Amino acid sequence: MISAQQALQRLQEGNRRFVSGAGRDGILYDNDRRDQLVAGQEPFAIILGCSDSRVPAEIVFDQGLGDLFVIRVAGNIVAPSQIGSVEFAVEQFKSPLVVVMGHTHCGAICATIDELQRPHGERSKNIQSIVDRIRPSIESLVSTPMWEDQGELIRHATRANVRASVNQLRHGSAMLEKLTEQEELVITGAEYDIQSGEIDFFES
């Protein structure tokens, strides 16, 4: 298995191909690769991303079948099932890198900000549970000047939410915490720009 740094470099190179329009043709439809994977998989990275239809991890990183272990949930939040999924992939496949990827114009972030600005309690309890997981990471922004600047507020809230999810993965699991301390696992954060297609890794 490659190192975390090598895995990160592969993701960065793949995103550059995607942005430039030079992605590898047919990578997601490689019949030979599909046959090879019948016996097992060795994903080199784990991606915890948002369910937004504009942010498909394999495509924006220009990776193919078997390359990434992808977990998608609205708002790229971390709940026990997401921690368990990451633990499973790390334990089973020895993947050295976990990336929590948020994105611009995230509906879950906007819904949480709306809830903080105009509480209303009309959502289903399931949607509310997502908002409630995002809320603690951005409540501290309420008392800052950016609260009056919606664009700046959303930008900072998106990154704050990613950082919170990274922190939860690093410290919400004894297994993951031990592996990161032993430098056998790297958990980092990133933000995908849905307009430019570029991914910024900002949480080392």
N, C-alpha and C. Protein backbone atom coordinates (compact mmCIF):
# COMPACT_ATOMS: atom_id res chain seq x y z
N MET A 1 0.85 -1.20 0.00
CA MET A 1 0.00 0.00 0.00
C MET A 1 0.89 1.25 0.00
N ILE A 2 0.48 2.26 -0.74
CA ILE A 2 1.24 3.50 -0.82
C ILE A 2 1.12 4.30 0.47
N SER A 3 1.97 5.30 0.64
CA SER A 3 1.93 6.15 1.83
C SER A 3 0.80 7.16 1.71
N ALA A 4 0.50 7.82 2.84
CA ALA A 4 -0.54 8.85 2.84
C ALA A 4 -0.17 10.00 1.92
N GLN A 5 1.12 10.37 1.93
CA GLN A 5 1.57 11.47 1.08
C GLN A 5 1.43 11.12 -0.39
N GLN A 6 1.76 9.88 -0.75
CA GLN A 6 1.61 9.42 -2.13
C GLN A 6 0.14 9.38 -2.53
N ALA A 7 -0.71 8.96 -1.59
CA ALA A 7 -2.15 8.92 -1.85
C ALA A 7 -2.68 10.32 -2.10
N LEU A 8 -2.24 11.27 -1.27
CA LEU A 8 -2.66 12.66 -1.42
C LEU A 8 -2.21 13.21 -2.77
N GLN A 9 -1.00 12.88 -3.15
CA GLN A 9 -0.48 13.35 -4.44
C GLN A 9 -1.30 12.78 -5.60
N ARG A 10 -1.71 11.54 -5.51
CA ARG A 10 -2.54 10.93 -6.56
C ARG A 10 -3.87 11.65 -6.68
N LEU A 11 -4.44 12.02 -5.53
CA LEU A 11 -5.72 12.75 -5.54
C LEU A 11 -5.53 14.13 -6.16
N GLN A 12 -4.48 14.81 -5.78
CA GLN A 12 -4.22 16.15 -6.32
C GLN A 12 -3.98 16.11 -7.82
N GLU A 13 -3.21 15.14 -8.28
CA GLU A 13 -2.95 15.00 -9.71
C GLU A 13 -4.24 14.68 -10.46
N GLY A 14 -5.06 13.83 -9.88
CA GLY A 14 -6.33 13.48 -10.51
C GLY A 14 -7.26 14.67 -10.63
N ASN A 15 -7.29 15.50 -9.56
CA ASN A 15 -8.14 16.68 -9.62
C ASN A 15 -7.65 17.67 -10.67
N ARG A 16 -6.33 17.78 -10.81
CA ARG A 16 -5.80 18.67 -11.84
C ARG A 16 -6.21 18.18 -13.24
N ARG A 17 -6.20 16.87 -13.44
CA ARG A 17 -6.66 16.33 -14.73
C ARG A 17 -8.12 16.67 -14.96
N PHE A 18 -8.93 16.51 -13.91
CA PHE A 18 -10.36 16.78 -14.01
C PHE A 18 -10.62 18.25 -14.37
N VAL A 19 -9.92 19.15 -13.68
CA VAL A 19 -10.11 20.58 -13.90
C VAL A 19 -9.71 20.98 -15.32
N SER A 20 -8.64 20.39 -15.81
CA SER A 20 -8.14 20.75 -17.13
C SER A 20 -8.87 20.04 -18.26
N GLY A 21 -9.76 19.11 -17.90
CA GLY A 21 -10.48 18.37 -18.94
C GLY A 21 -9.66 17.25 -19.54
N ALA A 22 -8.57 16.89 -18.86
CA ALA A 22 -7.68 15.85 -19.39
C ALA A 22 -7.83 14.54 -18.63
N GLY A 23 -9.04 14.29 -18.09
CA GLY A 23 -9.28 13.06 -17.36
C GLY A 23 -9.10 11.83 -18.24
N ARG A 24 -8.81 10.72 -17.58
CA ARG A 24 -8.56 9.48 -18.31
C ARG A 24 -9.86 8.91 -18.85
N ASP A 25 -9.97 8.84 -20.15
CA ASP A 25 -11.20 8.36 -20.79
C ASP A 25 -11.48 6.91 -20.42
N GLY A 26 -12.74 6.65 -20.07
CA GLY A 26 -13.18 5.28 -19.84
C GLY A 26 -12.72 4.66 -18.55
N ILE A 27 -12.12 5.46 -17.65
CA ILE A 27 -11.58 4.89 -16.42
C ILE A 27 -12.66 4.24 -15.55
N LEU A 28 -13.87 4.78 -15.61
CA LEU A 28 -14.96 4.21 -14.82
C LEU A 28 -15.66 3.06 -15.52
N TYR A 29 -15.24 2.78 -16.75
CA TYR A 29 -15.90 1.72 -17.52
C TYR A 29 -14.89 0.70 -18.03
N ASP A 30 -13.86 0.44 -17.23
CA ASP A 30 -12.79 -0.47 -17.60
C ASP A 30 -13.21 -1.90 -17.23
N ASN A 31 -13.59 -2.69 -18.23
CA ASN A 31 -14.05 -4.05 -17.97
C ASN A 31 -12.96 -4.93 -17.37
N ASP A 32 -11.73 -4.75 -17.83
CA ASP A 32 -10.62 -5.54 -17.28
C ASP A 32 -10.44 -5.24 -15.80
N ARG A 33 -10.51 -3.95 -15.46
CA ARG A 33 -10.36 -3.55 -14.06
C ARG A 33 -11.50 -4.13 -13.22
N ARG A 34 -12.70 -4.14 -13.76
CA ARG A 34 -13.85 -4.69 -13.04
C ARG A 34 -13.63 -6.17 -12.74
N ASP A 35 -13.09 -6.90 -13.70
CA ASP A 35 -12.81 -8.32 -13.50
C ASP A 35 -11.75 -8.52 -12.42
N GLN A 36 -10.74 -7.65 -12.41
CA GLN A 36 -9.66 -7.76 -11.43
C GLN A 36 -10.17 -7.57 -10.00
N LEU A 37 -11.20 -6.76 -9.86
CA LEU A 37 -11.70 -6.41 -8.53
C LEU A 37 -12.66 -7.42 -7.93
N VAL A 38 -13.03 -8.42 -8.71
CA VAL A 38 -13.96 -9.42 -8.19
C VAL A 38 -13.38 -10.09 -6.95
N ALA A 39 -12.09 -10.33 -6.95
CA ALA A 39 -11.45 -11.05 -5.84
C ALA A 39 -11.22 -10.17 -4.61
N GLY A 40 -11.30 -8.86 -4.76
CA GLY A 40 -11.07 -7.98 -3.61
C GLY A 40 -10.73 -6.57 -4.05
N GLN A 41 -10.56 -5.69 -3.07
CA GLN A 41 -10.28 -4.29 -3.35
C GLN A 41 -9.18 -3.76 -2.45
N GLU A 42 -8.48 -2.75 -2.93
CA GLU A 42 -7.43 -2.09 -2.15
C GLU A 42 -7.50 -0.58 -2.39
N PRO A 43 -8.57 0.07 -1.96
CA PRO A 43 -8.68 1.51 -2.17
C PRO A 43 -7.54 2.25 -1.47
N PHE A 44 -6.91 3.18 -2.19
CA PHE A 44 -5.74 3.87 -1.61
C PHE A 44 -6.13 5.06 -0.74
N ALA A 45 -7.41 5.47 -0.79
CA ALA A 45 -7.85 6.59 0.04
C ALA A 45 -9.32 6.42 0.38
N ILE A 46 -9.70 7.02 1.50
CA ILE A 46 -11.09 7.04 1.97
C ILE A 46 -11.59 8.47 1.86
N ILE A 47 -12.73 8.64 1.22
CA ILE A 47 -13.29 9.98 1.07
C ILE A 47 -14.63 10.05 1.80
N LEU A 48 -14.74 10.94 2.77
CA LEU A 48 -16.02 11.22 3.41
C LEU A 48 -16.51 12.54 2.84
N GLY A 49 -17.50 12.47 1.96
CA GLY A 49 -17.97 13.66 1.28
C GLY A 49 -19.46 13.86 1.40
N CYS A 50 -19.93 14.93 0.80
CA CYS A 50 -21.35 15.27 0.81
C CYS A 50 -22.09 14.48 -0.26
N SER A 51 -23.37 14.26 -0.04
CA SER A 51 -24.20 13.53 -1.00
C SER A 51 -24.58 14.36 -2.22
N ASP A 52 -24.25 15.64 -2.22
CA ASP A 52 -24.61 16.54 -3.31
C ASP A 52 -24.26 15.92 -4.67
N SER A 53 -25.21 15.95 -5.59
CA SER A 53 -25.02 15.31 -6.90
C SER A 53 -23.93 15.95 -7.73
N ARG A 54 -23.50 17.15 -7.34
CA ARG A 54 -22.46 17.86 -8.08
C ARG A 54 -21.05 17.52 -7.62
N VAL A 55 -20.95 16.62 -6.64
CA VAL A 55 -19.64 16.34 -6.04
C VAL A 55 -19.35 14.83 -6.00
N PRO A 56 -19.31 14.15 -7.14
CA PRO A 56 -18.99 12.72 -7.15
C PRO A 56 -17.48 12.52 -7.02
N ALA A 57 -17.04 11.92 -5.94
CA ALA A 57 -15.61 11.86 -5.61
C ALA A 57 -14.78 11.21 -6.71
N GLU A 58 -15.24 10.07 -7.23
CA GLU A 58 -14.43 9.37 -8.23
C GLU A 58 -14.19 10.25 -9.46
N ILE A 59 -15.18 11.04 -9.83
CA ILE A 59 -15.04 11.87 -11.03
C ILE A 59 -14.15 13.08 -10.77
N VAL A 60 -14.38 13.80 -9.67
CA VAL A 60 -13.60 15.02 -9.43
C VAL A 60 -12.14 14.72 -9.09
N PHE A 61 -11.86 13.48 -8.67
CA PHE A 61 -10.48 13.07 -8.42
C PHE A 61 -9.93 12.24 -9.59
N ASP A 62 -10.74 12.04 -10.62
CA ASP A 62 -10.35 11.27 -11.80
C ASP A 62 -9.76 9.92 -11.40
N GLN A 63 -10.53 9.18 -10.62
CA GLN A 63 -10.12 7.84 -10.19
C GLN A 63 -11.13 6.81 -10.71
N GLY A 64 -10.70 5.57 -10.72
CA GLY A 64 -11.53 4.52 -11.30
C GLY A 64 -12.07 3.53 -10.29
N LEU A 65 -12.57 2.43 -10.79
CA LEU A 65 -13.13 1.39 -9.94
C LEU A 65 -12.06 0.88 -8.97
N GLY A 66 -12.45 0.75 -7.71
CA GLY A 66 -11.54 0.18 -6.72
C GLY A 66 -10.51 1.12 -6.14
N ASP A 67 -10.47 2.36 -6.61
CA ASP A 67 -9.43 3.30 -6.14
C ASP A 67 -9.79 3.99 -4.83
N LEU A 68 -11.07 4.32 -4.67
CA LEU A 68 -11.50 5.10 -3.51
C LEU A 68 -12.60 4.38 -2.75
N PHE A 69 -12.55 4.48 -1.41
CA PHE A 69 -13.63 4.01 -0.55
C PHE A 69 -14.42 5.26 -0.18
N VAL A 70 -15.61 5.41 -0.74
CA VAL A 70 -16.34 6.67 -0.64
C VAL A 70 -17.55 6.54 0.29
N ILE A 71 -17.64 7.46 1.23
CA ILE A 71 -18.77 7.56 2.15
C ILE A 71 -19.41 8.91 1.90
N ARG A 72 -20.70 8.92 1.55
CA ARG A 72 -21.35 10.19 1.24
C ARG A 72 -22.57 10.38 2.14
N VAL A 73 -22.67 11.57 2.71
CA VAL A 73 -23.79 11.91 3.58
C VAL A 73 -23.98 13.43 3.50
N ALA A 74 -25.20 13.88 3.52
CA ALA A 74 -25.47 15.31 3.42
C ALA A 74 -24.68 16.08 4.47
N GLY A 75 -23.96 17.11 4.02
CA GLY A 75 -23.19 17.94 4.94
C GLY A 75 -21.88 17.33 5.39
N ASN A 76 -21.47 16.22 4.77
CA ASN A 76 -20.25 15.50 5.17
C ASN A 76 -20.08 15.46 6.69
N ILE A 77 -21.18 15.13 7.37
CA ILE A 77 -21.16 15.06 8.83
C ILE A 77 -20.57 13.74 9.29
N VAL A 78 -20.21 13.70 10.56
CA VAL A 78 -19.68 12.47 11.15
C VAL A 78 -20.61 12.01 12.26
N ALA A 79 -21.19 10.85 12.05
CA ALA A 79 -22.03 10.17 13.04
C ALA A 79 -21.41 8.78 13.26
N PRO A 80 -21.89 8.01 14.22
CA PRO A 80 -21.28 6.69 14.47
C PRO A 80 -21.16 5.81 13.23
N SER A 81 -22.14 5.84 12.35
CA SER A 81 -22.07 4.98 11.17
C SER A 81 -20.95 5.41 10.23
N GLN A 82 -20.68 6.72 10.15
CA GLN A 82 -19.57 7.18 9.32
C GLN A 82 -18.23 6.80 9.95
N ILE A 83 -18.12 6.95 11.26
CA ILE A 83 -16.88 6.53 11.93
C ILE A 83 -16.65 5.04 11.72
N GLY A 84 -17.72 4.26 11.86
CA GLY A 84 -17.60 2.82 11.66
C GLY A 84 -17.18 2.47 10.25
N SER A 85 -17.69 3.20 9.28
CA SER A 85 -17.33 2.95 7.88
C SER A 85 -15.85 3.24 7.64
N VAL A 86 -15.36 4.33 8.22
CA VAL A 86 -13.94 4.65 8.09
C VAL A 86 -13.09 3.58 8.79
N GLU A 87 -13.49 3.20 9.99
CA GLU A 87 -12.76 2.15 10.72
C GLU A 87 -12.71 0.87 9.89
N PHE A 88 -13.82 0.52 9.28
CA PHE A 88 -13.88 -0.70 8.47
C PHE A 88 -12.87 -0.64 7.33
N ALA A 89 -12.86 0.46 6.61
CA ALA A 89 -11.95 0.59 5.46
C ALA A 89 -10.50 0.58 5.90
N VAL A 90 -10.20 1.26 7.00
CA VAL A 90 -8.82 1.31 7.49
C VAL A 90 -8.38 -0.08 7.93
N GLU A 91 -9.26 -0.77 8.64
CA GLU A 91 -8.92 -2.10 9.16
C GLU A 91 -8.81 -3.14 8.06
N GLN A 92 -9.76 -3.11 7.13
CA GLN A 92 -9.81 -4.13 6.09
C GLN A 92 -8.81 -3.91 4.96
N PHE A 93 -8.63 -2.63 4.56
CA PHE A 93 -7.85 -2.35 3.36
C PHE A 93 -6.55 -1.60 3.62
N LYS A 94 -6.32 -1.20 4.88
CA LYS A 94 -5.11 -0.47 5.25
C LYS A 94 -4.94 0.83 4.47
N SER A 95 -6.05 1.43 4.10
CA SER A 95 -5.98 2.72 3.39
C SER A 95 -5.31 3.75 4.30
N PRO A 96 -4.28 4.46 3.81
CA PRO A 96 -3.50 5.34 4.69
C PRO A 96 -4.02 6.77 4.80
N LEU A 97 -5.04 7.12 3.99
CA LEU A 97 -5.48 8.52 3.93
C LEU A 97 -6.99 8.62 3.99
N VAL A 98 -7.47 9.52 4.84
CA VAL A 98 -8.90 9.85 4.91
C VAL A 98 -9.05 11.33 4.58
N VAL A 99 -9.92 11.65 3.63
CA VAL A 99 -10.19 13.04 3.27
C VAL A 99 -11.65 13.35 3.56
N VAL A 100 -11.89 14.35 4.41
CA VAL A 100 -13.24 14.88 4.61
C VAL A 100 -13.39 16.03 3.63
N MET A 101 -14.32 15.89 2.68
CA MET A 101 -14.45 16.89 1.62
C MET A 101 -15.79 17.60 1.66
N GLY A 102 -15.74 18.89 2.01
CA GLY A 102 -16.91 19.73 1.90
C GLY A 102 -16.93 20.40 0.53
N HIS A 103 -17.88 21.27 0.29
CA HIS A 103 -17.94 21.93 -1.02
C HIS A 103 -18.69 23.25 -0.93
N THR A 104 -18.43 24.11 -1.89
CA THR A 104 -19.12 25.40 -1.94
C THR A 104 -20.60 25.18 -2.25
N HIS A 105 -21.42 26.15 -1.85
CA HIS A 105 -22.87 26.11 -2.11
C HIS A 105 -23.52 24.85 -1.54
N CYS A 106 -23.11 24.48 -0.35
CA CYS A 106 -23.65 23.27 0.29
C CYS A 106 -25.01 23.55 0.92
N GLY A 107 -26.01 22.79 0.51
CA GLY A 107 -27.37 22.99 1.01
C GLY A 107 -27.49 22.74 2.50
N ALA A 108 -26.76 21.76 3.02
CA ALA A 108 -26.84 21.45 4.45
C ALA A 108 -26.26 22.59 5.28
N ILE A 109 -25.20 23.20 4.80
CA ILE A 109 -24.61 24.35 5.50
C ILE A 109 -25.60 25.52 5.48
N CYS A 110 -26.18 25.78 4.32
CA CYS A 110 -27.15 26.89 4.21
C CYS A 110 -28.36 26.65 5.09
N ALA A 111 -28.82 25.40 5.19
CA ALA A 111 -29.97 25.08 6.03
C ALA A 111 -29.66 25.31 7.50
N THR A 112 -28.42 25.01 7.89
CA THR A 112 -28.02 25.22 9.28
C THR A 112 -27.92 26.70 9.61
N ILE A 113 -27.34 27.47 8.69
CA ILE A 113 -27.27 28.92 8.90
C ILE A 113 -28.67 29.50 8.98
N ASP A 114 -29.56 29.05 8.12
CA ASP A 114 -30.95 29.51 8.14
C ASP A 114 -31.61 29.20 9.47
N GLU A 115 -31.31 28.02 10.01
CA GLU A 115 -31.87 27.63 11.30
C GLU A 115 -31.36 28.54 12.41
N LEU A 116 -30.08 28.91 12.36
CA LEU A 116 -29.52 29.79 13.38
C LEU A 116 -30.08 31.21 13.27
N GLN A 117 -30.33 31.64 12.04
CA GLN A 117 -30.83 33.00 11.84
C GLN A 117 -32.34 33.10 12.06
N ARG A 118 -33.05 32.03 11.66
CA ARG A 118 -34.51 32.05 11.76
C ARG A 118 -35.01 30.68 12.24
N PRO A 119 -34.88 30.39 13.53
CA PRO A 119 -35.32 29.08 14.05
C PRO A 119 -36.79 28.84 13.74
N HIS A 120 -37.09 27.65 13.25
CA HIS A 120 -38.50 27.38 12.97
C HIS A 120 -38.92 25.96 13.30
N GLY A 121 -38.21 24.98 13.40
CA GLY A 121 -38.67 23.68 13.87
C GLY A 121 -39.69 22.99 12.99
N GLU A 122 -39.69 23.29 11.70
CA GLU A 122 -40.66 22.67 10.80
C GLU A 122 -40.08 21.48 10.03
N ARG A 123 -38.80 21.23 10.17
CA ARG A 123 -38.17 20.14 9.43
C ARG A 123 -38.51 18.79 10.05
N SER A 124 -38.34 17.75 9.25
CA SER A 124 -38.48 16.41 9.79
C SER A 124 -37.36 16.17 10.80
N LYS A 125 -37.57 15.26 11.73
CA LYS A 125 -36.55 15.02 12.75
C LYS A 125 -35.27 14.46 12.14
N ASN A 126 -35.37 13.81 11.00
CA ASN A 126 -34.19 13.23 10.37
C ASN A 126 -33.32 14.31 9.72
N ILE A 127 -33.97 15.25 9.02
CA ILE A 127 -33.23 16.37 8.47
C ILE A 127 -32.67 17.23 9.60
N GLN A 128 -33.46 17.41 10.64
CA GLN A 128 -33.01 18.21 11.78
C GLN A 128 -31.76 17.60 12.42
N SER A 129 -31.65 16.28 12.39
CA SER A 129 -30.49 15.63 13.00
C SER A 129 -29.21 15.99 12.25
N ILE A 130 -29.31 16.22 10.94
CA ILE A 130 -28.14 16.66 10.17
C ILE A 130 -27.78 18.08 10.56
N VAL A 131 -28.78 18.96 10.60
CA VAL A 131 -28.57 20.35 11.00
C VAL A 131 -27.94 20.42 12.39
N ASP A 132 -28.43 19.59 13.30
CA ASP A 132 -27.94 19.61 14.68
C ASP A 132 -26.47 19.17 14.78
N ARG A 133 -26.02 18.34 13.84
CA ARG A 133 -24.62 17.92 13.86
C ARG A 133 -23.70 19.00 13.28
N ILE A 134 -24.24 19.81 12.38
CA ILE A 134 -23.44 20.88 11.79
C ILE A 134 -23.40 22.11 12.69
N ARG A 135 -24.50 22.37 13.38
CA ARG A 135 -24.67 23.60 14.17
C ARG A 135 -23.50 23.93 15.10
N PRO A 136 -22.98 22.98 15.92
CA PRO A 136 -21.92 23.36 16.87
C PRO A 136 -20.67 23.91 16.21
N SER A 137 -20.39 23.48 14.99
CA SER A 137 -19.16 23.92 14.33
C SER A 137 -19.24 25.35 13.82
N ILE A 138 -20.46 25.89 13.68
CA ILE A 138 -20.58 27.23 13.12
C ILE A 138 -21.27 28.23 14.05
N GLU A 139 -21.70 27.78 15.22
CA GLU A 139 -22.35 28.70 16.16
C GLU A 139 -21.43 29.83 16.60
N SER A 140 -20.13 29.54 16.64
CA SER A 140 -19.17 30.56 17.08
C SER A 140 -19.10 31.73 16.10
N LEU A 141 -19.58 31.54 14.89
CA LEU A 141 -19.54 32.61 13.89
C LEU A 141 -20.65 33.64 14.10
N VAL A 142 -21.62 33.29 14.94
CA VAL A 142 -22.77 34.17 15.15
C VAL A 142 -22.35 35.54 15.65
N SER A 143 -21.36 35.58 16.53
CA SER A 143 -20.95 36.85 17.16
C SER A 143 -19.87 37.58 16.38
N THR A 144 -19.56 37.16 15.17
CA THR A 144 -18.52 37.82 14.38
C THR A 144 -19.14 38.71 13.31
N PRO A 145 -18.37 39.65 12.77
CA PRO A 145 -18.89 40.55 11.73
C PRO A 145 -19.37 39.81 10.48
N MET A 146 -18.79 38.65 10.20
CA MET A 146 -19.18 37.94 8.97
C MET A 146 -20.63 37.47 9.01
N TRP A 147 -21.25 37.51 10.19
CA TRP A 147 -22.66 37.12 10.28
C TRP A 147 -23.54 38.00 9.40
N GLU A 148 -23.05 39.20 9.10
CA GLU A 148 -23.80 40.14 8.27
C GLU A 148 -23.46 39.98 6.78
N ASP A 149 -22.47 39.16 6.48
CA ASP A 149 -22.05 38.93 5.09
C ASP A 149 -22.32 37.47 4.74
N GLN A 150 -23.42 37.21 4.07
CA GLN A 150 -23.87 35.84 3.85
C GLN A 150 -22.84 35.00 3.08
N GLY A 151 -22.23 35.58 2.06
CA GLY A 151 -21.26 34.83 1.28
C GLY A 151 -20.06 34.43 2.11
N GLU A 152 -19.53 35.38 2.86
CA GLU A 152 -18.37 35.11 3.71
C GLU A 152 -18.75 34.13 4.82
N LEU A 153 -19.94 34.27 5.33
CA LEU A 153 -20.41 33.38 6.39
C LEU A 153 -20.47 31.93 5.90
N ILE A 154 -21.03 31.72 4.73
CA ILE A 154 -21.15 30.36 4.19
C ILE A 154 -19.76 29.77 3.94
N ARG A 155 -18.85 30.60 3.42
CA ARG A 155 -17.50 30.11 3.14
C ARG A 155 -16.81 29.64 4.41
N HIS A 156 -16.86 30.45 5.45
CA HIS A 156 -16.22 30.07 6.71
C HIS A 156 -16.95 28.90 7.38
N ALA A 157 -18.27 28.88 7.28
CA ALA A 157 -19.04 27.80 7.90
C ALA A 157 -18.73 26.46 7.25
N THR A 158 -18.56 26.47 5.92
CA THR A 158 -18.23 25.23 5.20
C THR A 158 -16.92 24.65 5.71
N ARG A 159 -15.93 25.49 5.85
CA ARG A 159 -14.62 25.02 6.30
C ARG A 159 -14.64 24.65 7.78
N ALA A 160 -15.38 25.39 8.57
CA ALA A 160 -15.49 25.05 10.00
C ALA A 160 -16.14 23.68 10.17
N ASN A 161 -17.11 23.39 9.34
CA ASN A 161 -17.78 22.09 9.41
C ASN A 161 -16.84 20.97 9.00
N VAL A 162 -16.03 21.20 7.99
CA VAL A 162 -15.03 20.19 7.58
C VAL A 162 -14.06 19.94 8.73
N ARG A 163 -13.57 21.02 9.33
CA ARG A 163 -12.61 20.88 10.43
C ARG A 163 -13.22 20.10 11.59
N ALA A 164 -14.49 20.36 11.86
CA ALA A 164 -15.16 19.64 12.95
C ALA A 164 -15.26 18.15 12.64
N SER A 165 -15.56 17.82 11.40
CA SER A 165 -15.65 16.40 11.02
C SER A 165 -14.29 15.72 11.08
N VAL A 166 -13.26 16.43 10.64
CA VAL A 166 -11.89 15.90 10.73
C VAL A 166 -11.55 15.62 12.19
N ASN A 167 -11.86 16.56 13.06
CA ASN A 167 -11.57 16.41 14.48
C ASN A 167 -12.32 15.24 15.09
N GLN A 168 -13.59 15.07 14.68
CA GLN A 168 -14.39 13.96 15.19
C GLN A 168 -13.81 12.62 14.78
N LEU A 169 -13.32 12.54 13.56
CA LEU A 169 -12.71 11.28 13.11
C LEU A 169 -11.39 11.03 13.84
N ARG A 170 -10.62 12.07 14.05
CA ARG A 170 -9.32 11.91 14.71
C ARG A 170 -9.46 11.50 16.16
N HIS A 171 -10.52 11.99 16.82
CA HIS A 171 -10.63 11.78 18.27
C HIS A 171 -11.91 11.05 18.69
N GLY A 172 -12.75 10.66 17.74
CA GLY A 172 -13.99 9.96 18.09
C GLY A 172 -13.89 8.46 17.99
N SER A 173 -12.68 7.98 17.74
CA SER A 173 -12.44 6.55 17.60
C SER A 173 -11.08 6.22 18.16
N ALA A 174 -11.02 5.30 19.09
CA ALA A 174 -9.74 4.92 19.68
C ALA A 174 -8.81 4.34 18.61
N MET A 175 -9.38 3.57 17.70
CA MET A 175 -8.58 2.98 16.63
C MET A 175 -7.96 4.04 15.74
N LEU A 176 -8.78 4.97 15.27
CA LEU A 176 -8.28 6.01 14.36
C LEU A 176 -7.31 6.94 15.06
N GLU A 177 -7.60 7.26 16.31
CA GLU A 177 -6.70 8.14 17.06
C GLU A 177 -5.32 7.50 17.23
N LYS A 178 -5.31 6.22 17.54
CA LYS A 178 -4.04 5.52 17.72
C LYS A 178 -3.23 5.49 16.43
N LEU A 179 -3.91 5.20 15.33
CA LEU A 179 -3.22 5.12 14.04
C LEU A 179 -2.67 6.47 13.60
N THR A 180 -3.43 7.55 13.88
CA THR A 180 -2.91 8.88 13.51
C THR A 180 -1.72 9.25 14.39
N GLU A 181 -1.77 8.90 15.67
CA GLU A 181 -0.65 9.18 16.56
C GLU A 181 0.60 8.42 16.14
N GLN A 182 0.39 7.21 15.61
CA GLN A 182 1.52 6.38 15.15
C GLN A 182 1.94 6.73 13.73
N GLU A 183 1.27 7.72 13.15
CA GLU A 183 1.56 8.20 11.79
C GLU A 183 1.35 7.11 10.75
N GLU A 184 0.41 6.21 11.04
CA GLU A 184 0.04 5.17 10.07
C GLU A 184 -1.20 5.59 9.28
N LEU A 185 -1.82 6.68 9.71
CA LEU A 185 -3.03 7.18 9.06
C LEU A 185 -3.03 8.70 9.10
N VAL A 186 -3.41 9.31 7.99
CA VAL A 186 -3.57 10.77 7.93
C VAL A 186 -5.03 11.09 7.64
N ILE A 187 -5.59 11.98 8.44
CA ILE A 187 -6.97 12.43 8.23
C ILE A 187 -6.90 13.92 7.94
N THR A 188 -7.39 14.34 6.78
CA THR A 188 -7.27 15.73 6.38
C THR A 188 -8.59 16.24 5.82
N GLY A 189 -8.69 17.56 5.67
CA GLY A 189 -9.90 18.18 5.16
C GLY A 189 -9.67 18.85 3.83
N ALA A 190 -10.74 19.01 3.07
CA ALA A 190 -10.64 19.65 1.76
C ALA A 190 -11.97 20.29 1.41
N GLU A 191 -11.91 21.22 0.46
CA GLU A 191 -13.13 21.86 -0.03
C GLU A 191 -13.12 21.85 -1.55
N TYR A 192 -14.23 21.39 -2.11
CA TYR A 192 -14.40 21.34 -3.57
C TYR A 192 -15.18 22.56 -4.01
N ASP A 193 -14.67 23.25 -5.02
CA ASP A 193 -15.36 24.41 -5.59
C ASP A 193 -16.20 23.92 -6.76
N ILE A 194 -17.51 23.98 -6.63
CA ILE A 194 -18.36 23.39 -7.68
C ILE A 194 -18.33 24.19 -8.97
N GLN A 195 -17.83 25.43 -8.92
CA GLN A 195 -17.73 26.22 -10.15
C GLN A 195 -16.43 25.95 -10.90
N SER A 196 -15.31 25.96 -10.20
CA SER A 196 -14.01 25.78 -10.85
C SER A 196 -13.64 24.30 -10.97
N GLY A 197 -14.20 23.47 -10.09
CA GLY A 197 -13.83 22.06 -10.07
C GLY A 197 -12.59 21.78 -9.26
N GLU A 198 -11.98 22.82 -8.69
CA GLU A 198 -10.73 22.66 -7.95
C GLU A 198 -10.99 22.24 -6.51
N ILE A 199 -10.08 21.44 -5.99
CA ILE A 199 -10.15 20.98 -4.61
C ILE A 199 -8.97 21.55 -3.83
N ASP A 200 -9.29 22.21 -2.73
CA ASP A 200 -8.28 22.82 -1.87
C ASP A 200 -8.15 21.99 -0.60
N PHE A 201 -6.97 21.41 -0.38
CA PHE A 201 -6.71 20.68 0.85
C PHE A 201 -6.19 21.69 1.86
N PHE A 202 -6.97 21.95 2.90
CA PHE A 202 -6.61 23.05 3.80
C PHE A 202 -6.43 22.62 5.24
N GLU A 203 -6.75 21.39 5.57
CA GLU A 203 -6.64 20.93 6.96
C GLU A 203 -5.65 19.78 6.99
N SER A 204 -4.41 20.06 7.40
CA SER A 204 -3.35 19.06 7.35
C SER A 204 -3.49 18.08 8.50
